[in-house]
Protein backbone atom coordinates (compact mmCIF):
# COMPACT_ATOMS: atom_id res chain seq x y z
CA MET A 1 -11.66 -8.52 -62.94
CA ARG A 2 -10.13 -11.22 -61.04
CA THR A 3 -8.84 -14.21 -62.90
CA GLN A 4 -10.34 -17.69 -62.31
CA HIS A 5 -7.84 -20.38 -61.66
CA SER A 6 -8.23 -24.14 -62.22
CA PHE A 7 -8.08 -26.29 -59.14
CA ALA A 8 -8.50 -29.91 -58.08
CA ILE A 9 -9.37 -31.45 -54.66
CA VAL A 10 -7.28 -34.15 -52.90
CA ILE A 11 -8.71 -36.11 -49.96
CA PRO A 12 -6.59 -38.70 -48.12
CA SER A 13 -8.70 -41.16 -46.23
CA VAL A 14 -8.53 -44.33 -44.16
CA GLY A 15 -12.11 -45.13 -44.74
CA ARG A 16 -13.58 -43.28 -41.87
CA PRO A 17 -17.45 -42.62 -41.99
CA SER A 18 -16.75 -38.99 -42.15
CA LEU A 19 -15.64 -39.35 -45.80
CA ASP A 20 -19.22 -40.29 -46.83
CA ARG A 21 -20.46 -37.23 -45.09
CA LEU A 22 -17.87 -35.04 -46.76
CA LEU A 23 -18.66 -36.41 -50.26
CA ASP A 24 -22.38 -35.93 -49.53
CA THR A 25 -21.59 -32.23 -48.72
CA ILE A 26 -19.44 -31.82 -51.89
CA ALA A 27 -22.10 -33.39 -54.02
CA ALA A 28 -24.76 -31.00 -52.39
CA LEU A 29 -22.51 -28.09 -53.14
CA ALA A 30 -22.25 -28.98 -56.81
CA THR A 31 -25.89 -28.50 -57.18
CA ASP A 32 -25.44 -24.93 -55.79
CA GLU A 33 -23.69 -23.55 -58.81
CA TRP A 34 -20.13 -23.56 -57.63
CA HIS A 35 -18.40 -21.85 -60.61
CA PRO A 36 -15.66 -22.48 -61.25
CA GLY A 37 -15.59 -25.88 -59.58
CA PRO A 38 -12.80 -28.46 -59.32
CA VAL A 39 -11.65 -30.12 -62.47
CA ASP A 40 -10.82 -33.23 -60.55
CA ILE A 41 -11.49 -34.85 -57.17
CA VAL A 42 -9.01 -37.52 -56.05
CA ILE A 43 -9.58 -39.66 -52.95
CA VAL A 44 -6.46 -41.54 -51.74
CA ASP A 45 -7.29 -44.71 -50.03
CA ASP A 46 -4.52 -44.79 -47.55
CA ARG A 47 -5.32 -48.04 -45.81
CA ARG A 48 -2.46 -50.49 -46.01
CA ALA A 49 -4.93 -53.09 -47.08
CA PRO A 50 -8.72 -53.27 -46.78
CA ALA A 51 -9.85 -55.39 -43.82
CA GLU A 52 -11.27 -58.89 -44.48
CA GLY A 53 -14.50 -58.42 -46.42
CA GLU A 54 -14.01 -54.69 -46.84
CA ALA A 55 -14.15 -53.28 -50.29
CA PRO A 56 -11.88 -50.50 -51.51
CA LEU A 57 -13.07 -47.05 -51.03
CA ALA A 58 -15.62 -46.01 -53.72
CA ALA A 59 -16.92 -42.59 -54.30
CA LEU A 60 -20.56 -41.93 -53.68
CA THR A 61 -21.09 -40.17 -56.92
CA PRO A 62 -19.27 -40.68 -60.31
CA ALA A 63 -18.91 -36.87 -60.70
CA VAL A 64 -19.47 -33.69 -58.64
CA GLY A 65 -20.28 -30.57 -60.56
CA GLY A 66 -18.86 -32.20 -63.71
CA ALA A 67 -15.57 -33.21 -62.10
CA PRO A 68 -14.74 -36.85 -61.90
CA VAL A 69 -14.37 -38.48 -58.47
CA ARG A 70 -11.45 -40.94 -58.55
CA VAL A 71 -9.96 -43.26 -55.92
CA VAL A 72 -6.24 -44.06 -56.07
CA ARG A 73 -4.19 -46.41 -53.73
CA GLY A 74 -2.13 -44.73 -51.06
CA TYR A 75 -0.43 -47.82 -49.61
CA GLY A 76 -0.97 -46.91 -45.91
CA ARG A 77 2.19 -44.73 -45.60
CA GLY A 78 0.45 -41.73 -43.82
CA PRO A 79 -0.91 -38.43 -45.04
CA ALA A 80 2.20 -36.87 -46.39
CA ALA A 81 2.72 -39.85 -48.90
CA ALA A 82 -0.99 -40.06 -49.59
CA ARG A 83 -1.23 -36.30 -50.48
CA ASN A 84 1.76 -36.71 -52.83
CA ARG A 85 0.05 -39.68 -54.39
CA GLY A 86 -3.07 -37.59 -54.93
CA TRP A 87 -1.62 -34.53 -56.42
CA ARG A 88 0.72 -36.36 -58.67
CA ALA A 89 -2.33 -38.22 -60.08
CA ILE A 90 -3.87 -34.94 -61.30
CA ASP A 91 -3.41 -33.38 -64.79
CA PRO A 92 -0.25 -31.16 -64.60
CA SER A 93 -2.10 -28.37 -66.16
CA VAL A 94 -4.24 -27.82 -63.19
CA GLU A 95 -2.87 -24.74 -61.44
CA TRP A 96 -3.98 -25.26 -57.78
CA ILE A 97 -4.38 -28.42 -55.44
CA ALA A 98 -6.83 -28.06 -52.66
CA PHE A 99 -6.15 -30.44 -49.77
CA LEU A 100 -8.85 -31.44 -47.50
CA ASP A 101 -8.86 -33.87 -44.63
CA ASP A 102 -11.58 -36.53 -44.69
CA ASP A 103 -13.12 -35.53 -41.19
CA VAL A 104 -13.91 -31.86 -41.97
CA GLU A 105 -17.24 -30.26 -42.86
CA LEU A 106 -17.60 -27.82 -45.66
CA PRO A 107 -20.03 -24.70 -45.35
CA ALA A 108 -22.17 -24.05 -48.39
CA THR A 109 -19.97 -21.10 -49.33
CA TRP A 110 -16.69 -22.93 -49.27
CA ALA A 111 -16.12 -23.59 -53.02
CA ARG A 112 -17.01 -20.06 -54.03
CA GLU A 113 -14.76 -18.58 -51.26
CA LEU A 114 -11.99 -20.93 -52.34
CA ALA A 115 -12.28 -19.81 -55.96
CA ALA A 116 -12.27 -16.13 -54.63
CA ASP A 117 -9.23 -16.84 -52.39
CA LEU A 118 -7.24 -18.29 -55.22
CA ALA A 119 -8.17 -15.44 -57.64
CA ALA A 120 -6.92 -12.98 -54.96
CA CYS A 121 -3.52 -14.70 -54.71
CA PRO A 122 -0.61 -12.83 -56.26
CA PRO A 123 1.73 -14.58 -58.55
CA GLU A 124 4.36 -14.98 -55.94
CA ALA A 125 1.86 -16.82 -53.69
CA GLY A 126 2.43 -20.61 -53.37
CA ALA A 127 -0.36 -21.46 -51.11
CA SER A 128 -3.63 -20.26 -49.59
CA GLN A 129 -4.77 -21.38 -46.22
CA GLY A 130 -8.41 -21.69 -45.05
CA ARG A 131 -9.57 -20.96 -41.45
CA ILE A 132 -10.40 -23.82 -39.46
CA VAL A 133 -13.38 -23.60 -36.90
CA VAL A 134 -13.65 -26.36 -34.18
CA PRO A 135 -17.17 -26.55 -32.68
CA LEU A 136 -16.72 -27.02 -28.88
CA PRO A 137 -19.46 -28.20 -26.42
CA GLU A 138 -21.63 -25.55 -24.97
CA GLY A 139 -22.37 -25.18 -21.20
CA ARG A 140 -19.03 -26.67 -19.89
CA ARG A 141 -15.21 -26.22 -20.38
CA PRO A 142 -13.57 -28.35 -23.03
CA THR A 143 -11.57 -31.39 -22.27
CA ASP A 144 -7.87 -31.85 -22.87
CA TRP A 145 -8.60 -33.68 -26.22
CA GLU A 146 -11.13 -31.08 -27.30
CA ARG A 147 -8.64 -28.28 -26.56
CA ASN A 148 -6.03 -30.18 -28.41
CA THR A 149 -8.35 -30.30 -31.50
CA ALA A 150 -9.16 -26.67 -31.04
CA SER A 151 -5.60 -25.65 -31.38
CA LEU A 152 -6.03 -26.20 -35.03
CA GLN A 153 -7.83 -22.87 -35.17
CA ASP A 154 -4.53 -21.08 -34.61
CA ALA A 155 -2.36 -23.47 -36.41
CA GLU A 156 -0.24 -22.16 -39.28
CA TRP A 157 -0.53 -23.92 -42.59
CA ALA A 158 -2.76 -26.91 -41.36
CA THR A 159 -3.38 -29.06 -44.38
CA ALA A 160 -7.07 -29.74 -43.20
CA ASP A 161 -7.86 -26.98 -45.72
CA MET A 162 -4.80 -25.72 -47.64
CA ALA A 163 -4.46 -25.01 -51.38
CA TYR A 164 -0.94 -25.18 -52.91
CA ARG A 165 0.01 -23.94 -56.31
CA ARG A 166 0.99 -26.87 -58.46
CA SER A 167 4.39 -25.24 -59.45
CA ALA A 168 5.28 -24.85 -55.82
CA LEU A 169 4.71 -28.50 -55.03
CA ASP A 170 6.74 -29.51 -58.12
CA ARG A 171 9.57 -27.24 -57.17
CA VAL A 172 10.07 -28.54 -53.62
CA GLY A 173 9.10 -32.21 -54.17
CA GLY A 174 5.86 -32.12 -52.39
CA PHE A 175 5.34 -33.33 -48.83
CA ASP A 176 8.27 -35.00 -47.06
CA GLU A 177 7.10 -38.58 -46.89
CA ARG A 178 9.41 -39.33 -43.87
CA PHE A 179 6.82 -37.82 -41.76
CA PRO A 180 4.50 -40.82 -41.07
CA ARG A 181 1.65 -39.11 -39.33
CA ALA A 182 -0.53 -36.10 -39.45
CA TYR A 183 1.94 -33.94 -37.52
CA ARG A 184 4.60 -31.49 -38.77
CA GLU A 185 4.36 -32.67 -42.40
CA ASP A 186 2.43 -29.50 -43.24
CA ALA A 187 4.68 -27.12 -41.35
CA ASP A 188 7.78 -28.71 -43.02
CA LEU A 189 6.24 -28.20 -46.48
CA ALA A 190 5.36 -24.52 -45.66
CA VAL A 191 8.87 -23.84 -44.56
CA ARG A 192 10.37 -25.40 -47.73
CA VAL A 193 7.87 -23.50 -49.93
CA ARG A 194 8.79 -20.18 -48.27
CA ARG A 195 12.41 -20.87 -48.70
CA ALA A 196 11.78 -21.41 -52.40
CA GLY A 197 10.62 -17.87 -52.60
CA TYR A 198 6.81 -18.19 -52.44
CA ARG A 199 4.47 -16.50 -50.13
CA LEU A 200 1.73 -18.22 -48.05
CA GLU A 201 -1.61 -16.42 -47.99
CA ARG A 202 -4.43 -16.48 -45.48
CA GLY A 203 -7.90 -16.91 -47.33
CA ASN A 204 -11.30 -15.96 -46.21
CA ARG A 205 -12.85 -19.40 -46.55
CA HIS A 206 -13.47 -21.65 -43.60
CA ILE A 207 -14.21 -25.19 -42.79
CA LEU A 208 -15.56 -27.02 -39.65
CA HIS A 209 -13.39 -29.51 -37.96
CA PRO A 210 -15.42 -31.57 -35.40
CA VAL A 211 -13.67 -33.20 -32.41
CA ARG A 212 -13.30 -36.91 -33.27
CA PRO A 213 -14.25 -39.47 -30.53
CA ALA A 214 -11.20 -40.63 -28.70
CA ASP A 215 -10.47 -43.06 -25.94
CA ASP A 216 -8.70 -42.29 -22.53
CA TRP A 217 -5.25 -42.80 -23.89
CA VAL A 218 -5.19 -40.66 -26.98
CA SER A 219 -3.02 -38.01 -25.35
CA HIS A 220 -0.48 -40.77 -24.52
CA ARG A 221 -0.34 -41.99 -28.12
CA VAL A 222 0.04 -38.57 -29.76
CA GLN A 223 3.35 -38.23 -27.94
CA ALA A 224 4.72 -40.19 -31.05
CA GLY A 225 4.78 -36.68 -32.73
CA ASN A 226 7.99 -35.97 -30.66
CA ALA A 227 9.88 -38.17 -33.22
CA ASP A 228 8.70 -35.77 -35.87
CA ASN A 229 9.95 -32.82 -33.81
CA ALA A 230 13.32 -34.59 -33.87
CA LEU A 231 12.99 -34.75 -37.78
CA MET A 232 12.07 -31.10 -37.93
CA ARG A 233 15.16 -30.12 -35.88
CA ARG A 234 17.36 -32.16 -38.08
CA LEU A 235 15.90 -30.56 -41.29
CA HIS A 236 15.59 -27.04 -40.19
CA GLY A 237 18.01 -26.51 -37.23
CA PRO A 238 17.35 -25.42 -33.60
CA GLN A 239 15.24 -22.48 -34.68
CA TRP A 240 12.65 -24.76 -36.41
CA ARG A 241 9.82 -23.73 -34.16
CA GLU A 242 10.35 -20.12 -35.22
CA LEU A 243 10.50 -20.95 -38.84
CA ALA A 244 7.36 -23.16 -38.62
CA ARG A 245 5.65 -20.59 -36.32
CA ALA A 246 5.08 -23.53 -33.98
CA PRO A 247 4.37 -22.91 -30.31
CA GLY A 248 6.86 -24.01 -27.74
CA GLY A 249 6.27 -27.25 -26.11
CA ALA A 250 6.69 -28.75 -22.59
CA PHE A 251 9.48 -31.13 -23.53
CA GLY A 252 12.10 -29.84 -21.07
CA TRP A 253 9.48 -30.35 -18.15
CA HIS A 254 8.96 -33.95 -19.52
CA VAL A 255 12.67 -34.53 -19.47
CA ALA A 256 12.88 -33.22 -15.79
CA THR A 257 9.90 -35.48 -14.80
CA THR A 258 11.55 -38.44 -16.39
CA VAL A 259 14.82 -37.93 -14.75
CA ALA A 260 13.20 -37.53 -11.34
CA ALA A 261 11.38 -40.91 -11.77
CA ALA A 262 14.51 -42.58 -13.04
CA VAL A 263 16.40 -41.24 -9.96
CA ALA A 264 13.71 -42.59 -7.63
CA VAL A 265 13.78 -46.01 -9.29
CA ALA A 266 17.57 -46.12 -9.25
CA GLY A 267 17.61 -45.22 -5.61
CA THR A 268 15.08 -47.81 -4.79
CA LEU A 269 16.94 -50.56 -6.39
CA GLY A 270 20.14 -49.35 -4.81
CA GLY A 271 18.32 -49.56 -1.39
CA LEU A 272 17.43 -53.26 -2.14
CA ALA A 273 20.99 -53.96 -2.91
CA GLY A 274 22.05 -52.48 0.41
CA ARG A 275 23.94 -49.31 -0.99
CA ARG A 276 24.47 -46.52 1.46
CA GLY A 277 22.46 -43.23 0.76
CA ALA A 278 20.34 -45.05 -1.69
CA GLY A 279 17.17 -44.44 0.40
CA ARG A 280 17.77 -40.70 0.55
CA LEU A 281 18.31 -40.70 -3.23
CA ALA A 282 15.02 -42.57 -3.85
CA GLY A 283 13.20 -40.26 -1.58
CA ALA A 284 14.58 -37.00 -3.31
CA GLY A 285 13.73 -38.34 -6.71
CA ALA A 286 10.16 -39.50 -5.67
CA LEU A 287 9.60 -36.15 -3.99
CA ALA A 288 10.84 -34.32 -7.20
CA TRP A 289 8.66 -36.47 -9.49
CA ALA A 290 5.59 -36.04 -7.34
CA GLY A 291 6.02 -32.23 -7.48
CA LEU A 292 6.52 -32.26 -11.21
CA TYR A 293 3.68 -34.57 -11.87
CA GLY A 294 1.25 -32.64 -9.68
CA ARG A 295 2.23 -29.47 -11.63
CA PHE A 296 1.57 -31.11 -14.97
CA LEU A 297 -1.80 -32.49 -13.70
CA ARG A 298 -2.96 -29.03 -12.44
CA LEU A 299 -2.00 -27.27 -15.71
CA ARG A 300 -3.96 -29.84 -17.65
CA MET A 301 -6.99 -29.83 -15.53
CA ALA A 302 -7.36 -26.08 -14.72
CA PRO A 303 -8.82 -25.11 -18.16
CA GLY A 304 -11.00 -28.25 -18.44
CA PRO A 305 -14.30 -29.35 -16.77
CA GLN A 306 -14.67 -28.25 -13.08
CA PRO A 307 -16.10 -30.14 -10.15
CA GLY A 308 -19.73 -30.51 -10.52
CA ASP A 309 -19.51 -30.85 -14.43
CA PRO A 310 -20.63 -34.31 -15.56
CA GLU A 311 -17.34 -34.67 -17.49
CA PHE A 312 -15.17 -33.76 -14.55
CA ARG A 313 -14.55 -37.23 -13.10
CA PRO A 314 -13.88 -39.01 -16.44
CA GLU A 315 -11.42 -36.05 -17.26
CA LEU A 316 -9.88 -36.46 -13.84
CA ARG A 317 -9.38 -40.07 -14.41
CA ARG A 318 -7.85 -39.71 -17.96
CA MET A 319 -5.50 -36.78 -16.79
CA SER A 320 -4.28 -38.58 -13.71
CA MET A 321 -3.35 -41.59 -15.73
CA THR A 322 -1.76 -39.86 -18.71
CA SER A 323 0.06 -37.23 -16.83
CA ALA A 324 2.08 -39.94 -15.34
CA THR A 325 2.83 -41.68 -18.66
CA ILE A 326 3.26 -38.72 -21.07
CA PRO A 327 6.72 -37.44 -19.84
CA PRO A 328 8.69 -40.76 -20.33
CA VAL A 329 6.77 -41.59 -23.63
CA ALA A 330 7.52 -38.06 -25.00
CA VAL A 331 11.29 -38.51 -24.07
CA TRP A 332 11.37 -42.00 -25.53
CA HIS A 333 9.79 -40.85 -28.86
CA ARG A 334 12.14 -37.85 -29.08
CA LEU A 335 15.16 -40.10 -28.56
CA ARG A 336 13.81 -42.60 -31.10
CA GLY A 337 13.34 -39.78 -33.66
CA TRP A 338 16.84 -38.39 -32.96
CA LEU A 339 18.42 -41.77 -33.58
CA ARG A 340 16.45 -42.52 -36.65
CA HIS A 341 16.98 -39.04 -38.25
CA ARG A 342 20.54 -38.26 -37.05
CA ALA A 343 21.86 -38.69 -40.63
CA THR A 344 18.74 -37.56 -42.53
CA GLY A 345 19.17 -35.09 -45.30
CA PRO A 346 16.86 -32.77 -47.17
CA TRP A 347 13.83 -33.80 -49.10
CA PRO A 348 13.37 -35.01 -51.66
CA VAL A 349 15.69 -37.95 -51.06
CA ARG A 350 18.08 -38.88 -53.81
CA PRO A 351 18.03 -42.61 -54.65
CA ARG A 352 21.12 -44.53 -53.68
CA ALA A 353 20.03 -48.05 -54.72
CA VAL A 354 17.85 -49.59 -57.43
CA LEU A 355 16.10 -52.88 -56.70
CA PHE A 356 15.11 -54.83 -59.76
CA ASP A 357 12.38 -57.41 -60.15
CA ARG A 358 13.83 -60.39 -61.97
CA ASP A 359 11.31 -62.10 -64.27
CA GLY A 360 9.68 -59.77 -66.79
CA THR A 361 11.86 -56.85 -65.76
CA ILE A 362 15.59 -57.55 -66.44
CA VAL A 363 15.14 -61.11 -67.94
CA HIS A 364 12.20 -62.57 -70.04
CA ASP A 365 9.67 -64.32 -67.94
CA VAL A 366 9.95 -68.09 -68.09
CA PRO A 367 7.46 -69.39 -65.59
CA TYR A 368 9.11 -71.42 -62.59
CA ASN A 369 12.43 -71.43 -64.59
CA GLY A 370 15.08 -73.77 -63.06
CA ASP A 371 17.29 -73.99 -66.15
CA PRO A 372 20.11 -71.39 -66.44
CA GLN A 373 20.22 -71.88 -70.19
CA GLN A 374 16.76 -70.36 -70.61
CA VAL A 375 17.80 -67.08 -69.15
CA ARG A 376 17.47 -64.29 -71.74
CA PRO A 377 17.95 -60.70 -70.64
CA VAL A 378 15.48 -57.95 -71.69
CA ASP A 379 16.93 -55.98 -74.53
CA GLY A 380 19.57 -53.64 -73.29
CA ALA A 381 19.37 -54.81 -69.78
CA GLY A 382 23.06 -55.42 -69.31
CA GLU A 383 24.02 -51.79 -70.51
CA LEU A 384 21.25 -50.32 -68.38
CA VAL A 385 22.22 -52.02 -65.19
CA GLN A 386 25.80 -51.06 -65.86
CA ARG A 387 24.71 -47.36 -66.17
CA VAL A 388 23.12 -47.62 -62.86
CA ARG A 389 26.39 -48.94 -61.26
CA ALA A 390 28.42 -46.40 -63.10
CA ALA A 391 26.30 -43.66 -61.51
CA GLY A 392 27.26 -44.95 -58.10
CA LEU A 393 23.98 -46.69 -57.25
CA ARG A 394 23.92 -49.95 -55.37
CA THR A 395 21.96 -52.73 -57.21
CA ALA A 396 19.87 -55.64 -56.01
CA VAL A 397 17.26 -58.08 -57.16
CA ILE A 398 14.13 -58.95 -55.31
CA THR A 399 12.21 -61.83 -56.74
CA ASN A 400 9.31 -64.09 -55.67
CA GLN A 401 10.12 -67.80 -56.37
CA SER A 402 7.01 -69.61 -55.12
CA GLY A 403 8.04 -72.47 -57.38
CA VAL A 404 10.22 -73.72 -54.56
CA ALA A 405 7.26 -73.95 -52.16
CA ARG A 406 5.19 -75.63 -55.00
CA GLY A 407 7.82 -78.34 -55.49
CA ILE A 408 8.27 -77.16 -59.12
CA VAL A 409 11.84 -76.06 -58.78
CA THR A 410 14.51 -76.46 -56.00
CA ARG A 411 16.37 -73.76 -54.25
CA ASP A 412 19.48 -74.90 -55.89
CA GLN A 413 18.03 -74.47 -59.38
CA VAL A 414 16.83 -71.01 -58.42
CA ASP A 415 20.26 -69.98 -57.39
CA ALA A 416 21.70 -71.53 -60.45
CA VAL A 417 19.39 -69.26 -62.55
CA ASN A 418 20.39 -66.31 -60.45
CA ALA A 419 24.09 -66.94 -60.92
CA ARG A 420 23.44 -67.08 -64.70
CA VAL A 421 21.75 -63.49 -64.41
CA ASP A 422 24.89 -62.35 -62.53
CA ASP A 423 27.05 -63.69 -65.46
CA LEU A 424 24.96 -61.94 -68.16
CA LEU A 425 24.26 -58.57 -66.33
CA GLY A 426 27.23 -58.35 -63.94
CA PRO A 427 27.07 -59.23 -60.30
CA PHE A 428 24.33 -57.64 -58.22
CA ASP A 429 25.21 -56.29 -54.71
CA SER A 430 22.40 -58.24 -53.14
CA TRP A 431 19.84 -60.98 -53.95
CA GLN A 432 16.78 -61.20 -52.04
CA ILE A 433 14.56 -64.36 -52.73
CA CYS A 434 11.34 -65.36 -51.34
CA PRO A 435 10.78 -69.20 -51.74
CA HIS A 436 7.31 -69.13 -50.02
CA GLY A 437 3.91 -69.62 -51.69
CA PRO A 438 1.00 -67.32 -51.24
CA ALA A 439 -0.73 -69.50 -48.70
CA GLU A 440 2.25 -69.08 -46.23
CA HIS A 441 1.47 -65.48 -45.66
CA CYS A 442 5.17 -64.64 -45.18
CA ALA A 443 6.61 -61.06 -44.61
CA CYS A 444 8.87 -61.21 -47.62
CA ARG A 445 6.77 -62.33 -50.48
CA LYS A 446 5.76 -59.31 -52.75
CA PRO A 447 3.53 -57.24 -52.14
CA GLN A 448 4.84 -57.47 -48.57
CA PRO A 449 7.71 -55.13 -48.07
CA GLY A 450 10.05 -57.69 -46.42
CA MET A 451 12.51 -58.08 -49.38
CA VAL A 452 12.67 -54.37 -49.95
CA LEU A 453 13.64 -53.69 -46.34
CA ALA A 454 16.08 -56.60 -46.28
CA ALA A 455 17.67 -55.37 -49.58
CA ALA A 456 18.00 -51.71 -48.11
CA HIS A 457 19.60 -53.18 -45.04
CA ALA A 458 22.03 -55.39 -46.93
CA LEU A 459 23.02 -52.45 -49.07
CA GLY A 460 23.53 -50.00 -46.15
CA VAL A 461 20.85 -47.59 -47.30
CA ARG A 462 17.47 -46.46 -46.08
CA PRO A 463 14.28 -47.76 -47.63
CA GLU A 464 13.41 -44.35 -48.91
CA GLU A 465 16.79 -44.14 -50.80
CA CYS A 466 15.75 -47.20 -52.89
CA VAL A 467 13.72 -47.37 -56.13
CA VAL A 468 12.07 -50.51 -57.12
CA ILE A 469 11.56 -51.36 -60.84
CA GLY A 470 9.19 -54.08 -61.59
CA ASP A 471 6.46 -55.15 -64.09
CA ILE A 472 3.42 -55.94 -61.86
CA GLY A 473 1.47 -54.29 -59.06
CA ALA A 474 3.09 -56.35 -56.34
CA ASP A 475 6.42 -54.82 -57.07
CA VAL A 476 4.92 -51.41 -56.66
CA GLU A 477 2.92 -52.22 -53.60
CA ALA A 478 6.07 -53.85 -51.94
CA ALA A 479 8.06 -50.64 -52.58
CA GLN A 480 5.45 -48.18 -51.42
CA SER A 481 4.74 -50.18 -48.32
CA ALA A 482 8.40 -50.13 -47.41
CA GLY A 483 8.73 -46.30 -48.01
CA ALA A 484 10.60 -46.77 -51.34
CA ARG A 485 10.01 -45.19 -54.63
CA SER A 486 8.81 -47.44 -57.55
CA VAL A 487 8.66 -47.44 -61.20
CA LEU A 488 6.26 -49.80 -63.08
CA VAL A 489 7.28 -51.08 -66.50
CA PRO A 490 4.31 -52.69 -67.84
CA THR A 491 4.29 -55.98 -69.92
CA PRO A 492 1.48 -57.84 -71.53
CA VAL A 493 0.80 -59.59 -68.26
CA THR A 494 0.40 -56.47 -66.34
CA ARG A 495 -3.22 -55.69 -65.44
CA GLN A 496 -4.70 -52.28 -66.34
CA GLU A 497 -5.60 -51.67 -62.81
CA GLU A 498 -2.12 -52.29 -61.79
CA ILE A 499 -1.01 -49.57 -64.28
CA ALA A 500 -3.69 -47.10 -63.12
CA ASP A 501 -2.74 -47.60 -59.55
CA ALA A 502 1.00 -47.18 -59.98
CA PRO A 503 2.40 -43.78 -58.91
CA VAL A 504 5.06 -43.75 -61.76
CA THR A 505 5.07 -45.82 -64.89
CA ALA A 506 7.59 -46.07 -67.66
CA PRO A 507 7.03 -47.77 -71.33
CA ASP A 508 10.37 -49.75 -71.00
CA LEU A 509 13.34 -50.47 -68.81
CA ALA A 510 15.52 -47.89 -70.58
CA THR A 511 13.20 -45.06 -69.72
CA ALA A 512 12.77 -46.26 -66.21
CA VAL A 513 16.47 -46.33 -65.59
CA GLU A 514 16.89 -42.93 -67.18
CA LEU A 515 14.14 -41.63 -64.92
CA VAL A 516 15.98 -43.09 -61.82
CA LEU A 517 19.29 -41.51 -62.87
CA SER A 518 17.66 -38.11 -63.15
CA TRP A 519 16.22 -38.50 -59.62
CA ALA A 520 19.67 -39.41 -58.37
CA SER A 521 21.17 -36.34 -59.96
CA GLY A 522 18.50 -34.13 -58.45
CA VAL A 523 17.33 -33.04 -61.90
CA ALA A 524 13.85 -34.28 -61.83
CA GLN A 525 11.11 -35.12 -59.38
CA PRO A 526 8.66 -38.14 -59.83
CA PRO A 527 6.44 -37.11 -62.73
CA SER A 528 2.71 -36.59 -62.52
CA ARG A 529 0.33 -39.04 -64.06
CA PRO A 530 -1.70 -38.02 -67.08
CA ARG A 531 -5.37 -37.89 -66.79
CA ASP A 532 -5.86 -39.89 -70.00
CA GLY A 533 -4.05 -41.37 -72.95
CA ASP A 534 -1.33 -43.91 -72.60
CA ARG A 535 -1.23 -44.81 -68.93
CA SER A 536 2.10 -46.63 -69.32
CA SER A 537 4.00 -43.63 -70.30
CA ILE A 538 5.70 -41.10 -67.97
């Protein structure tokens, strides 16, 4: 008899209407006796901030098949970070995490087939992949964008429907949050899970993945994924495509096309400057570019709509435009990715800096304090900050001081208070102060990420190598928006919803520092949040 395994569902979303349809489907499935069903359903609201007048995502039903539906903040950092946010919010006792995209459709048999797939997984299996079916239009050949979507049917480890064993996610640190888009983050995770000794199984369940509407320039925009290819090469070496079972690309042709265009432009400019032979150079470059462009256009048009099809002319227009822009854009993004990730190390990233909030975190909060004599460190703060320094981590303070904008304190008074903090706790490597008021809508005032980014730059580290320790939701949101980790240390002024939204909390500064030091040593990963009980404990 097969063992039934507990599972939860995580759905990252940016608020697309397809989420409503997916939840409707899940609710309908719950009435069809799916046993066992999920013990938890978590929707991660991955919008950076709701648009004006737009409410946070809300589940359509309070429970599906007895499982609660919860919405947690994702901070707009992309699907990798959102999925990590989701699975870490689930009770650690749940054995499997089933990830779904918010634009898929579930057949009536999906839940039962998922349960059967998980039951069939041997102990060494770290994941179970569902099959993806992309419905294509009948009566004509698919467009380039439709074929692009249909490639998901043959993709390995696509997280549109992928269930991971919780222990595997814990062991490898989950998704690499340096992948900012839905591209390569799933392949990277699969490679790391396999390297950790797990097998990845293919299940029998399936989902439908409709082709999303797209404008004429969608194929141009998706070239940003070339930066992620650069990250994959950095992390997994020149053979990363083989490891990730990813098909070869056309990047070499894009380089040749871009070089030909550059030669043509250089020759033309040289001709205008009166340089000998420049005209021949320009002609040769233009001829080479035309040949490569024509080849690329033919390759893209051949499998698509043909003359006489209603879609042929719009497709020819799209392909004619984007076949000219894709090569240089692809090369630019690959170069950008190489420059950004040339010194990138493995995931999870070990912290190299701790950014402390000031009031309520390392010193007791005195509203709009301009008097250095009123500075009182939080119990043990001096010793704890010194422990951080002794571990080789850089330190900084990031603090909102809107009292300056309000005319309550002067900047000189703020600086004097900060100097007193340095006297009592030892000098911090950087101070980042926002003197603006909320109405100024500056880029530095928390919850904006400006001070986190500025502190990382001043300390010579990357944002993802920083941990922000603070006492309110604005500290957490600033960290998450910048790509840094965060630990919330609640105080009596911390709102309950801020505690519930925080990815990681600690009951006091000592516990927060201990946690950061364990991350820096590589001993521990960010803890998962409990389902109930004391939400301010780790």
